[in-house]
Each structure stands twice: as C-alpha cells, then as structure tokens.
Amino acid sequence: MSMSVKQKMEAVPLKLFYVIAVLLVCVAGIILWRWMQSGKKSLAAPVQPRIHQAINEPIQPILLHAELNEKKVALGKKLFHEPQLSHDNSVSCASCHNLQLGGTDRRMRSIGIQGAVGFINAPTVFNCGFNFKQFWDGRAETLEDQIDGPILAPNEMGSNWEEILRKLQTVSAYVSAFEALYPDGIQVHNIKDAIATFERSLYTPNSRFDQFLRGDPSALSDDEKAGYGLFKSYGCISCHQGMGVGGNMFERFGVIGDYFADRGNVTPADFGRFNVTGVEQDRYVFKVPSLRNVALTPPYFHDGSARRLEGAVALMGKYQLGRKLPPEEINLIVKFLKTLSGEYGGKPL
C-alpha cells in the first residue's frame, strides 16, 4: 500500500535526522582516530636533548677531538716514558711531567740525572700543543724544537742524540715500530715527531667551564660564575684568554710592583725572555702560563714560589694589578679556576 503525500512529507525530517546523526558520528570518529594517532606518535617520539647555545666569551672551549696518527701517539707515549733517553737510564720525560700529577712533578725544581736540581719550575705538559711557543722564556718555536732542551741539558737528562740512537737501535720493538711509521726508521727527527705527536694528544676537554662556555649555565655554581666575573673585571682575562686560558703571549712578571726585588736572590732563570733576545725590556718577561688544570699543578710561577692557588692569585693581584684582593674575592676566583680542570682519555683529571 503506497504512502500518501502527507506521510512522505512527514518522513523527510526523520530521514534527515538520521543522515545528520550518521555524519556527526563519522566526523567524531575521524577526530577521535586522528587524536589517538597523534597521541601514539608523541609517546613514541624520543625525548630531544636540550641543545645549549654556545656563549661568546674571551675563553674558548677545548676541542673535543683532535685528528692525530694514533700509531705515532702510541710510539710517542712509549718514548715519553722511556728512561733510556737519559744518559744514565734513570729519567724520562714523564719524570718531570707526570700525567698522574697534572702533567708536572709538583716540585719547585725538577730532579734530573744523578739527583741534579733544575733551575726552573716544570710547566704542565697537558695542552702544551696549544702554546704559541715552548718553555717559560719561549725559546722553542715548536714541540719538536723543545725536545732538545731536556735531552741535552746536563742537569736534566744529560744525554745526546748519538747515544740515544745507539740505545734505541738495539731494541727490536722500537726498530719495528719506527720502520712501520717512518721510511727512514729510527732517526732524530722521527723520534721528535713521535714524541711531539703524543704531546699534542694531551689535551683536556670538557671541563665544567667548557660546558658552561658551550651554553650550559648549570655547569657552574653561582660562586664560580661570580669568580669568573671577577677574573674578567680585574683584567686577568687580558692575559689569560683563548683556548688555553693563557699560553699565547708574553708578559712581564711585575707589571706594577717589583716582584724580584721583594723576593730577592735573583738568578739567571728569573731573567726570562731576556735570556733569549738579550733585549733589556725583555728582562723578567715570561710566557703567560695556561691556567687549564691549574688547580692540579702546584707550586706556581716559574720559580715555584706559590704553593697554593690562593697565594698565587694574591701575588698576581699585587704585582700585576697593583691591588690587594680581598680574601673573599680570592676565594671566588679560586673556585672559578678549579672549574678549568678537564678530562684526559675520557676521565676527569
């Protein structure tokens, strides 16, 4: 039986209602499905590490990796610890530059063959590859040039290259190692190259201060940041800057006061750069030391006169700045300096 016109017209709103209801359910389903998918994606996505923006400062962080010939590094390390490089086979490079003691021997003066006492404090060998010249007086231009100094010095290793070549050529392990790396085998310039390559591997990155420089403000405490602020405001940064926090310029020891007159007992080792140039204005001028790992390398200065870091900072204030630094400020600066201790071989020094 067919529907009347009136019944058909009454049925239209009902059908329309069903159509709209179905559409709403579909739309709601699509929205719900997309929301669930986005939720799954956000849960599956890894947490992104915080990216720190490096800050602009007069000190630069040490590079995290240096490209070096690892076989030369290994040979150089063996030679660095080889006492046969000394005349009586008793002293090696590591004797005065102990890697377990911050790259120094922590003596005022180093002890050479037959108990001979040196004339000057041994600087750290860590980060020496960043120095613009070698030795306190800068008499060696390169690490390779520097090696002659301790080898030939009578009160250090007291040897000569002819003697060293003769010794090493009797050791089959050395003969094989040199022949594998150098076409001409055991030669003076190859010995120097291997040792210098090892010394360039002695960089110490990732100190807490380097982490701060790379943009992590939480790497330093408020006191350490305050100490760095004082370090800059007092002008220490004018000499101790760059990647090495020093090691890239010369400066007179006693810009304001006369340190040597006050200390007394002046020796030729105190003349500094003058011993190299003979120029009077270079008397008492020294290479500015790197402050990297400085908390680990007492005593301080070329004469080893400061046994503690606090005393070294106080002396710098007096003779380089002409100021008596308050104890509380010295303590803050020392806290900053301790953040310069880095890592070697992936382990904190």
Protein backbone atom coordinates (compact mmCIF):
# COMPACT_ATOMS: atom_id res chain seq x y z
CA MET A 1 0.00 0.00 0.00
CA SER A 2 1.65 3.26 -1.10
CA MET A 3 2.30 6.22 1.24
CA SER A 4 0.25 9.37 0.92
CA VAL A 5 1.90 12.69 0.06
CA LYS A 6 1.36 13.82 3.64
CA GLN A 7 3.08 10.72 5.04
CA LYS A 8 6.05 11.22 2.69
CA MET A 9 6.47 14.82 3.78
CA GLU A 10 6.39 13.80 7.44
CA ALA A 11 9.06 11.14 6.81
CA VAL A 12 11.60 13.61 5.30
CA PRO A 13 12.61 15.27 8.63
CA LEU A 14 13.09 11.87 10.19
CA LYS A 15 15.41 10.69 7.37
CA LEU A 16 17.30 13.97 7.51
CA PHE A 17 17.82 13.49 11.22
CA TYR A 18 19.28 10.03 10.65
CA VAL A 19 21.59 11.31 7.91
CA ILE A 20 22.87 14.16 10.08
CA ALA A 21 23.36 11.82 13.02
CA VAL A 22 25.40 9.40 10.90
CA LEU A 23 27.55 12.26 9.55
CA LEU A 24 28.20 13.55 13.07
CA VAL A 25 29.20 10.10 14.24
CA CYS A 26 31.62 9.74 11.29
CA VAL A 27 33.17 13.15 11.91
CA ALA A 28 33.54 12.39 15.60
CA GLY A 29 35.15 9.06 14.74
CA ILE A 30 37.65 10.69 12.37
CA ILE A 31 38.56 13.31 15.01
CA LEU A 32 38.96 10.63 17.67
CA TRP A 33 41.11 8.45 15.37
CA ARG A 34 43.44 11.35 14.49
CA TRP A 35 43.75 12.33 18.12
CA MET A 36 44.67 8.77 19.09
CA GLN A 37 47.27 8.57 16.29
CA SER A 38 48.86 11.84 17.30
CA GLY A 39 48.96 10.63 20.88
CA LYS A 40 50.73 7.46 19.83
CA LYS A 41 53.24 9.47 17.80
CA SER A 42 54.03 11.78 20.71
CA LEU A 43 54.53 8.83 23.03
CA ALA A 44 56.76 7.05 20.55
CA ALA A 45 58.89 10.12 19.76
CA PRO A 46 62.18 10.21 21.71
CA VAL A 47 62.77 12.98 24.20
CA GLN A 48 65.03 15.51 22.49
CA PRO A 49 68.13 16.52 24.49
CA ARG A 50 68.44 20.12 25.42
CA ILE A 51 70.56 21.99 22.90
CA HIS A 52 72.74 24.66 24.53
CA GLN A 53 73.76 27.70 22.59
CA ALA A 54 77.48 28.46 22.93
CA ILE A 55 78.16 31.80 24.56
CA ASN A 56 80.56 34.47 23.35
CA GLU A 57 83.48 34.78 25.78
CA PRO A 58 87.21 35.60 25.53
CA ILE A 59 87.96 31.99 26.54
CA GLN A 60 87.14 29.22 24.07
CA PRO A 61 86.37 25.61 24.97
CA ILE A 62 88.97 22.97 24.12
CA LEU A 63 88.17 20.93 21.06
CA LEU A 64 86.54 17.60 21.90
CA HIS A 65 88.58 15.59 19.41
CA ALA A 66 91.85 16.08 17.56
CA GLU A 67 92.81 14.15 14.44
CA LEU A 68 96.17 12.54 15.17
CA ASN A 69 98.01 9.46 13.92
CA GLU A 70 97.19 7.02 16.72
CA LYS A 71 100.18 4.78 15.98
CA LYS A 72 102.51 7.75 16.30
CA VAL A 73 100.72 8.73 19.51
CA ALA A 74 101.32 5.23 20.90
CA LEU A 75 105.00 5.25 19.92
CA GLY A 76 105.43 8.78 21.28
CA LYS A 77 103.83 7.74 24.57
CA LYS A 78 106.32 4.90 24.93
CA LEU A 79 109.23 7.23 24.21
CA PHE A 80 107.82 9.84 26.61
CA HIS A 81 108.07 7.25 29.39
CA GLU A 82 111.41 5.84 28.19
CA PRO A 83 114.30 6.40 30.69
CA GLN A 84 116.84 5.33 28.06
CA LEU A 85 116.50 8.83 26.63
CA SER A 86 118.61 9.96 29.61
CA HIS A 87 122.32 9.36 29.94
CA ASP A 88 122.11 7.04 32.94
CA ASN A 89 118.73 5.49 32.04
CA SER A 90 117.12 6.96 35.16
CA VAL A 91 114.99 9.87 33.92
CA SER A 92 112.23 10.04 31.32
CA CYS A 93 110.10 12.93 30.10
CA ALA A 94 107.38 11.62 32.40
CA SER A 95 109.66 12.01 35.42
CA CYS A 96 109.12 15.77 35.35
CA HIS A 97 105.76 15.68 33.55
CA ASN A 98 103.81 13.04 35.42
CA LEU A 99 100.38 12.57 33.82
CA GLN A 100 99.02 11.47 37.20
CA LEU A 101 100.08 14.81 38.74
CA GLY A 102 98.54 17.22 36.27
CA GLY A 103 101.43 16.84 33.83
CA THR A 104 104.03 18.17 36.29
CA ASP A 105 106.14 16.80 39.17
CA ARG A 106 104.74 19.29 41.73
CA ARG A 107 108.25 20.34 42.75
CA MET A 108 109.70 23.84 42.85
CA ARG A 109 112.57 22.48 40.76
CA SER A 110 112.70 19.19 38.92
CA ILE A 111 115.27 16.50 39.69
CA GLY A 112 117.42 15.25 36.82
CA ILE A 113 120.06 12.57 36.44
CA GLN A 114 122.26 11.85 39.46
CA GLY A 115 119.98 13.98 41.62
CA ALA A 116 120.79 17.24 39.83
CA VAL A 117 118.34 20.03 40.67
CA GLY A 118 116.88 22.11 37.85
CA PHE A 119 116.78 25.88 37.57
CA ILE A 120 113.10 26.47 36.91
CA ASN A 121 109.67 25.05 37.67
CA ALA A 122 108.47 22.41 35.19
CA PRO A 123 105.28 23.58 33.44
CA THR A 124 102.47 21.14 32.74
CA VAL A 125 102.67 19.12 29.54
CA PHE A 126 98.86 18.98 29.28
CA ASN A 127 97.54 21.22 26.48
CA CYS A 128 101.12 22.16 25.54
CA GLY A 129 100.12 21.80 21.90
CA PHE A 130 98.07 24.99 22.21
CA ASN A 131 101.03 27.10 23.40
CA PHE A 132 102.33 29.59 20.86
CA LYS A 133 105.89 28.88 21.99
CA GLN A 134 107.53 26.42 24.39
CA PHE A 135 109.43 26.93 27.68
CA TRP A 136 108.86 29.80 30.10
CA ASP A 137 111.12 32.05 28.01
CA GLY A 138 109.64 30.92 24.69
CA ARG A 139 112.98 29.85 23.25
CA ALA A 140 111.47 26.93 21.31
CA GLU A 141 109.03 27.61 18.50
CA THR A 142 107.55 24.11 18.34
CA LEU A 143 107.14 20.98 20.43
CA GLU A 144 109.66 19.26 18.18
CA ASP A 145 112.22 22.02 18.89
CA GLN A 146 111.50 21.83 22.61
CA ILE A 147 112.61 18.22 22.90
CA ASP A 148 116.30 19.11 22.53
CA GLY A 149 116.14 21.15 25.74
CA PRO A 150 115.67 18.44 28.38
CA ILE A 151 117.50 15.77 26.35
CA LEU A 152 120.74 17.76 26.18
CA ALA A 153 120.59 19.67 29.50
CA PRO A 154 123.29 18.31 31.87
CA ASN A 155 121.06 18.74 34.92
CA GLU A 156 118.03 17.11 33.29
CA MET A 157 118.52 14.08 31.02
CA GLY A 158 122.17 14.79 30.21
CA SER A 159 122.25 12.77 27.01
CA ASN A 160 122.92 13.33 23.31
CA TRP A 161 121.27 12.09 20.16
CA GLU A 162 124.08 9.77 19.08
CA GLU A 163 123.80 7.94 22.39
CA ILE A 164 120.02 7.75 22.18
CA LEU A 165 120.02 6.44 18.61
CA ARG A 166 122.52 3.76 19.58
CA LYS A 167 120.33 2.62 22.50
CA LEU A 168 117.04 2.56 20.61
CA GLN A 169 118.50 0.73 17.62
CA THR A 170 119.28 -2.23 19.89
CA VAL A 171 115.61 -2.61 20.88
CA SER A 172 113.77 -4.68 18.27
CA ALA A 173 110.35 -3.32 19.31
CA TYR A 174 111.50 0.22 18.59
CA VAL A 175 113.13 -0.78 15.30
CA SER A 176 109.89 -2.40 14.11
CA ALA A 177 107.67 0.45 15.29
CA PHE A 178 109.77 3.13 13.59
CA GLU A 179 110.11 1.17 10.35
CA ALA A 180 106.32 0.77 10.22
CA LEU A 181 105.75 4.51 10.57
CA TYR A 182 108.80 6.19 9.02
CA PRO A 183 110.58 5.21 5.75
CA ASP A 184 113.98 6.03 7.26
CA GLY A 185 113.36 4.27 10.56
CA ILE A 186 114.92 5.46 13.81
CA GLN A 187 116.18 8.97 13.22
CA VAL A 188 116.33 12.04 15.45
CA HIS A 189 113.62 13.90 13.55
CA ASN A 190 111.34 10.85 13.75
CA ILE A 191 111.86 10.49 17.48
CA LYS A 192 110.92 14.15 17.87
CA ASP A 193 107.91 13.75 15.62
CA ALA A 194 106.56 10.80 17.60
CA ILE A 195 107.03 12.45 21.00
CA ALA A 196 105.53 15.73 19.80
CA THR A 197 102.53 13.89 18.32
CA PHE A 198 101.93 12.23 21.67
CA GLU A 199 102.24 15.57 23.46
CA ARG A 200 99.63 17.06 21.11
CA SER A 201 97.28 14.29 22.23
CA LEU A 202 97.49 15.55 25.81
CA TYR A 203 94.59 17.97 25.50
CA THR A 204 91.99 18.06 28.28
CA PRO A 205 88.49 18.94 27.06
CA ASN A 206 85.09 19.01 28.72
CA SER A 207 85.93 20.87 31.92
CA ARG A 208 82.90 22.24 33.71
CA PHE A 209 83.87 25.67 32.45
CA ASP A 210 83.94 24.35 28.89
CA GLN A 211 80.44 23.00 29.41
CA PHE A 212 79.43 26.47 30.58
CA LEU A 213 81.07 28.02 27.50
CA ARG A 214 79.11 25.64 25.32
CA GLY A 215 75.92 27.07 26.75
CA ASP A 216 75.07 25.07 29.87
CA PRO A 217 74.55 27.65 32.66
CA SER A 218 74.01 24.90 35.24
CA ALA A 219 77.61 23.67 34.79
CA LEU A 220 78.84 26.37 37.22
CA SER A 221 77.62 27.38 40.64
CA ASP A 222 76.74 30.99 41.43
CA ASP A 223 80.05 31.39 43.30
CA GLU A 224 82.02 30.05 40.34
CA LYS A 225 80.23 32.41 37.97
CA ALA A 226 80.96 35.27 40.36
CA GLY A 227 84.63 34.24 40.41
CA TYR A 228 84.73 34.31 36.63
CA GLY A 229 83.13 37.75 36.70
CA LEU A 230 85.89 39.00 39.00
CA PHE A 231 88.52 37.33 36.81
CA LYS A 232 87.25 39.40 33.90
CA SER A 233 86.56 42.65 35.74
CA TYR A 234 90.04 42.74 37.29
CA GLY A 235 91.62 42.28 33.86
CA CYS A 236 93.11 38.80 34.38
CA ILE A 237 91.38 37.89 31.14
CA SER A 238 93.64 40.24 29.17
CA CYS A 239 96.50 37.74 29.51
CA HIS A 240 94.66 34.53 30.32
CA GLN A 241 92.31 34.03 27.38
CA GLY A 242 91.89 31.83 24.32
CA MET A 243 91.58 28.06 24.34
CA GLY A 244 94.49 27.63 26.72
CA VAL A 245 93.40 30.39 29.12
CA GLY A 246 96.94 31.63 28.54
CA GLY A 247 99.97 30.27 26.71
CA ASN A 248 99.60 32.64 23.76
CA MET A 249 101.58 35.75 24.72
CA PHE A 250 104.45 37.15 26.80
CA GLU A 251 104.07 39.40 29.83
CA ARG A 252 106.34 40.97 32.44
CA PHE A 253 106.22 39.39 35.87
CA GLY A 254 105.78 42.51 37.97
CA VAL A 255 103.85 44.98 35.82
CA ILE A 256 103.04 47.16 38.84
CA GLY A 257 105.33 46.07 41.70
CA ASP A 258 108.90 44.76 41.64
CA TYR A 259 108.40 41.10 42.45
CA PHE A 260 112.07 40.17 42.12
CA ALA A 261 113.32 42.97 44.36
CA ASP A 262 110.83 41.90 47.03
CA ARG A 263 111.63 38.20 46.68
CA GLY A 264 115.40 38.66 46.42
CA ASN A 265 118.05 36.13 45.37
CA VAL A 266 117.63 36.78 41.65
CA THR A 267 119.08 34.11 39.36
CA PRO A 268 119.51 33.94 35.56
CA ALA A 269 116.35 31.81 35.38
CA ASP A 270 114.46 34.91 36.55
CA PHE A 271 115.55 36.93 33.51
CA GLY A 272 113.00 35.16 31.33
CA ARG A 273 112.78 36.27 27.71
CA PHE A 274 115.95 38.38 28.13
CA ASN A 275 117.99 35.16 28.06
CA VAL A 276 116.71 34.59 24.52
CA THR A 277 116.72 38.07 22.98
CA GLY A 278 119.31 39.97 25.01
CA VAL A 279 116.94 42.95 24.88
CA GLU A 280 116.72 44.77 28.21
CA GLN A 281 113.00 45.33 28.00
CA ASP A 282 112.56 41.55 27.90
CA ARG A 283 114.13 41.10 31.35
CA TYR A 284 111.59 39.42 33.70
CA VAL A 285 109.26 38.74 30.76
CA PHE A 286 107.78 35.23 30.56
CA LYS A 287 105.28 33.29 28.52
CA VAL A 288 101.91 33.63 30.21
CA PRO A 289 101.15 30.13 31.53
CA SER A 290 97.98 28.29 30.64
CA LEU A 291 95.52 28.07 33.51
CA ARG A 292 93.97 24.85 32.26
CA ASN A 293 94.01 22.29 35.14
CA VAL A 294 95.77 24.90 37.27
CA ALA A 295 94.29 23.52 40.49
CA LEU A 296 96.29 20.33 39.84
CA THR A 297 99.71 21.86 39.17
CA PRO A 298 101.19 23.48 42.29
CA PRO A 299 103.57 25.09 43.04
CA TYR A 300 103.05 28.12 40.80
CA PHE A 301 105.10 30.54 38.69
CA HIS A 302 108.45 29.91 37.04
CA ASP A 303 110.14 29.83 40.44
CA GLY A 304 107.52 27.68 42.18
CA SER A 305 107.21 30.31 44.88
CA ALA A 306 103.45 29.99 45.44
CA ARG A 307 102.49 26.68 46.96
CA ARG A 308 98.74 27.28 46.99
CA LEU A 309 96.38 28.68 44.37
CA GLU A 310 95.09 31.31 46.78
CA GLY A 311 98.62 32.61 47.27
CA ALA A 312 99.22 32.71 43.52
CA VAL A 313 96.05 34.75 42.97
CA ALA A 314 97.03 37.17 45.75
CA LEU A 315 100.51 37.65 44.22
CA MET A 316 99.02 38.29 40.80
CA GLY A 317 96.74 40.91 42.31
CA LYS A 318 99.66 42.63 43.98
CA TYR A 319 102.29 42.57 41.22
CA GLN A 320 100.20 42.52 38.05
CA LEU A 321 97.22 44.63 39.13
CA GLY A 322 98.65 46.71 41.96
CA ARG A 323 95.76 45.69 44.22
CA LYS A 324 95.34 43.81 47.46
CA LEU A 325 92.49 41.47 46.67
CA PRO A 326 90.00 40.79 49.49
CA PRO A 327 90.12 37.18 50.76
CA GLU A 328 86.50 36.57 49.82
CA GLU A 329 87.20 37.62 46.23
CA ILE A 330 90.32 35.47 46.08
CA ASN A 331 88.22 32.51 47.19
CA LEU A 332 85.66 33.17 44.47
CA ILE A 333 88.36 33.43 41.79
CA VAL A 334 89.91 30.17 43.01
CA LYS A 335 86.51 28.49 42.79
CA PHE A 336 86.33 29.58 39.17
CA LEU A 337 89.89 28.38 38.44
CA LYS A 338 89.03 24.93 39.78
CA THR A 339 86.35 24.60 37.07
CA LEU A 340 89.15 24.61 34.45
CA SER A 341 90.16 21.02 35.29
CA GLY A 342 89.29 18.88 32.28
CA GLU A 343 89.33 15.28 31.17
CA TYR A 344 92.08 13.15 29.66
CA GLY A 345 91.20 9.96 27.86
CA GLY A 346 87.55 10.49 28.79
CA LYS A 347 88.26 10.58 32.53
CA PRO A 348 88.43 13.63 34.86
CA LEU A 349 91.95 14.61 35.84
